[in-house]
């Protein structure tokens, strides 16, 4: 199994998007995300332009079980994130490398540009 095969990259909170838009901007701007096309993101012509035309950006909210079998990784830990939130530290967030499939019934919402849940985070790509 490769390093990213079978892995879903998540954030523990939407706060990551409101405090550091640069962390997600490229991932929402190019079809295929970093795993496939990161090396082509800065190519002003050719492949980069075609990749921007495929699909559209979306924010997906899902329920995941971090205690489920799998080698899930959470950076900063869940404990640090919850304590940070409790004491008012911003952003109280963590990156999650989730190593299980997420079943369709665990998808809470999908927000696209034009949806209030997407548009409340300024600076995200719209196309």
Protein backbone atom coordinates (compact mmCIF):
# COMPACT_ATOMS: atom_id res chain seq x y z
CA UNK A 1 0.00 0.00 0.00
CA UNK A 2 1.37 3.43 -0.97
CA UNK A 3 1.75 6.32 1.43
CA UNK A 4 -1.55 7.91 0.42
CA UNK A 5 -3.46 4.97 -0.99
CA UNK A 6 -6.70 4.44 0.94
CA UNK A 7 -6.26 7.71 2.83
CA UNK A 8 -8.63 10.65 3.11
CA UNK A 9 -7.18 14.00 4.23
CA UNK A 10 -9.48 16.02 6.49
CA UNK A 11 -9.41 18.89 8.92
CA UNK A 12 -10.96 18.41 12.34
CA UNK A 13 -12.71 21.76 12.14
CA UNK A 14 -13.78 24.32 9.55
CA UNK A 15 -11.69 26.82 11.53
CA UNK A 16 -8.67 25.79 9.47
CA UNK A 17 -10.35 27.25 6.39
CA UNK A 18 -11.22 30.52 8.08
CA UNK A 19 -7.69 31.12 9.47
CA UNK A 20 -5.41 29.78 6.73
CA UNK A 21 -7.08 29.86 3.34
CA UNK A 22 -3.74 29.18 1.62
CA UNK A 23 -3.74 25.69 3.10
CA UNK A 24 -6.77 24.65 1.06
CA UNK A 25 -6.82 27.06 -1.88
CA UNK A 26 -4.72 24.91 -4.23
CA UNK A 27 -6.53 21.73 -3.24
CA UNK A 28 -9.84 23.35 -4.15
CA UNK A 29 -8.49 24.93 -7.34
CA UNK A 30 -7.25 21.90 -9.27
CA UNK A 31 -9.10 18.72 -10.05
CA UNK A 32 -7.29 15.76 -8.54
CA UNK A 33 -5.72 17.70 -5.71
CA UNK A 34 -2.12 17.42 -4.66
CA UNK A 35 -1.84 13.65 -4.94
CA UNK A 36 -2.04 13.68 -8.72
CA UNK A 37 -1.27 17.11 -10.13
CA UNK A 38 0.68 19.19 -7.58
CA UNK A 39 3.66 19.43 -9.91
CA UNK A 40 1.48 21.08 -12.57
CA UNK A 41 -0.14 23.79 -10.40
CA UNK A 42 2.31 26.53 -11.37
CA UNK A 43 2.21 25.80 -15.09
CA UNK A 44 0.33 28.88 -16.43
CA UNK A 45 -0.52 27.17 -19.71
CA UNK A 46 -1.33 23.68 -20.79
CA UNK A 47 -2.23 21.11 -18.17
CA UNK A 48 -2.82 23.51 -15.26
CA UNK A 49 -5.48 25.42 -17.19
CA UNK A 50 -7.22 22.21 -18.21
CA UNK A 51 -7.20 20.94 -14.62
CA UNK A 52 -8.88 24.14 -13.42
CA UNK A 53 -11.73 23.54 -15.86
CA UNK A 54 -12.60 20.08 -14.54
CA UNK A 55 -15.15 19.75 -11.77
CA UNK A 56 -15.75 22.42 -9.17
CA UNK A 57 -14.56 23.03 -5.63
CA UNK A 58 -16.54 21.56 -2.74
CA UNK A 59 -16.35 21.43 1.05
CA UNK A 60 -17.45 18.06 2.38
CA UNK A 61 -18.48 17.57 6.00
CA UNK A 62 -18.38 13.97 7.20
CA UNK A 63 -18.68 11.96 10.37
CA UNK A 64 -15.60 9.81 10.97
CA UNK A 65 -14.77 7.42 13.78
CA UNK A 66 -11.18 8.05 14.83
CA UNK A 67 -11.37 4.98 17.10
CA UNK A 68 -12.19 2.71 14.15
CA UNK A 69 -9.58 0.23 12.93
CA UNK A 70 -6.92 1.83 10.78
CA UNK A 71 -3.75 3.80 11.30
CA UNK A 72 -5.36 7.21 11.54
CA UNK A 73 -3.10 10.14 12.32
CA UNK A 74 -4.16 13.42 13.91
CA UNK A 75 -1.77 16.40 14.03
CA UNK A 76 -2.11 18.26 16.67
CA UNK A 77 -3.75 15.62 18.79
CA UNK A 78 -7.49 15.60 19.41
CA UNK A 79 -6.79 16.36 23.08
CA UNK A 80 -4.68 19.43 22.18
CA UNK A 81 -7.37 20.60 19.77
CA UNK A 82 -10.22 20.26 22.30
CA UNK A 83 -8.21 21.91 25.09
CA UNK A 84 -7.24 24.71 22.68
CA UNK A 85 -10.89 25.25 21.82
CA UNK A 86 -11.86 25.29 25.50
CA UNK A 87 -9.29 27.98 26.36
CA UNK A 88 -10.08 30.09 23.31
CA UNK A 89 -7.00 29.33 21.23
CA UNK A 90 -7.60 30.04 17.56
CA UNK A 91 -7.48 28.19 15.34
CA UNK A 92 -8.39 25.13 17.35
CA UNK A 93 -7.91 22.60 14.58
CA UNK A 94 -6.00 19.51 13.53
CA UNK A 95 -5.20 17.71 10.29
CA UNK A 96 -6.57 14.18 10.08
CA UNK A 97 -5.17 11.44 7.86
CA UNK A 98 -8.09 9.02 7.90
CA UNK A 99 -7.28 5.57 6.62
CA UNK A 100 -10.70 4.07 6.07
CA UNK A 101 -13.40 4.58 3.51
CA UNK A 102 -16.09 7.05 4.49
CA UNK A 103 -19.49 5.49 3.77
CA UNK A 104 -22.04 7.66 1.97
CA UNK A 105 -24.35 7.71 5.01
CA UNK A 106 -21.56 9.46 6.97
CA UNK A 107 -21.49 12.45 4.60
CA UNK A 108 -23.30 15.25 6.40
CA UNK A 109 -23.12 17.92 3.71
CA UNK A 110 -21.45 18.99 0.49
CA UNK A 111 -21.16 22.74 -0.11
CA UNK A 112 -20.27 24.34 -3.44
CA UNK A 113 -19.55 27.97 -4.36
CA UNK A 114 -22.85 29.84 -4.04
CA UNK A 115 -23.96 27.79 -1.01
CA UNK A 116 -23.99 29.75 2.28
CA UNK A 117 -21.78 27.14 4.01
CA UNK A 118 -19.11 27.58 1.32
CA UNK A 119 -19.40 31.33 0.83
CA UNK A 120 -19.05 32.10 4.57
CA UNK A 121 -15.33 31.33 4.18
CA UNK A 122 -13.91 34.26 2.21
CA UNK A 123 -11.13 33.69 -0.26
CA UNK A 124 -12.02 30.17 -1.38
CA UNK A 125 -11.93 29.45 -5.13
CA UNK A 126 -15.29 29.89 -6.84
CA UNK A 127 -14.62 27.98 -10.07
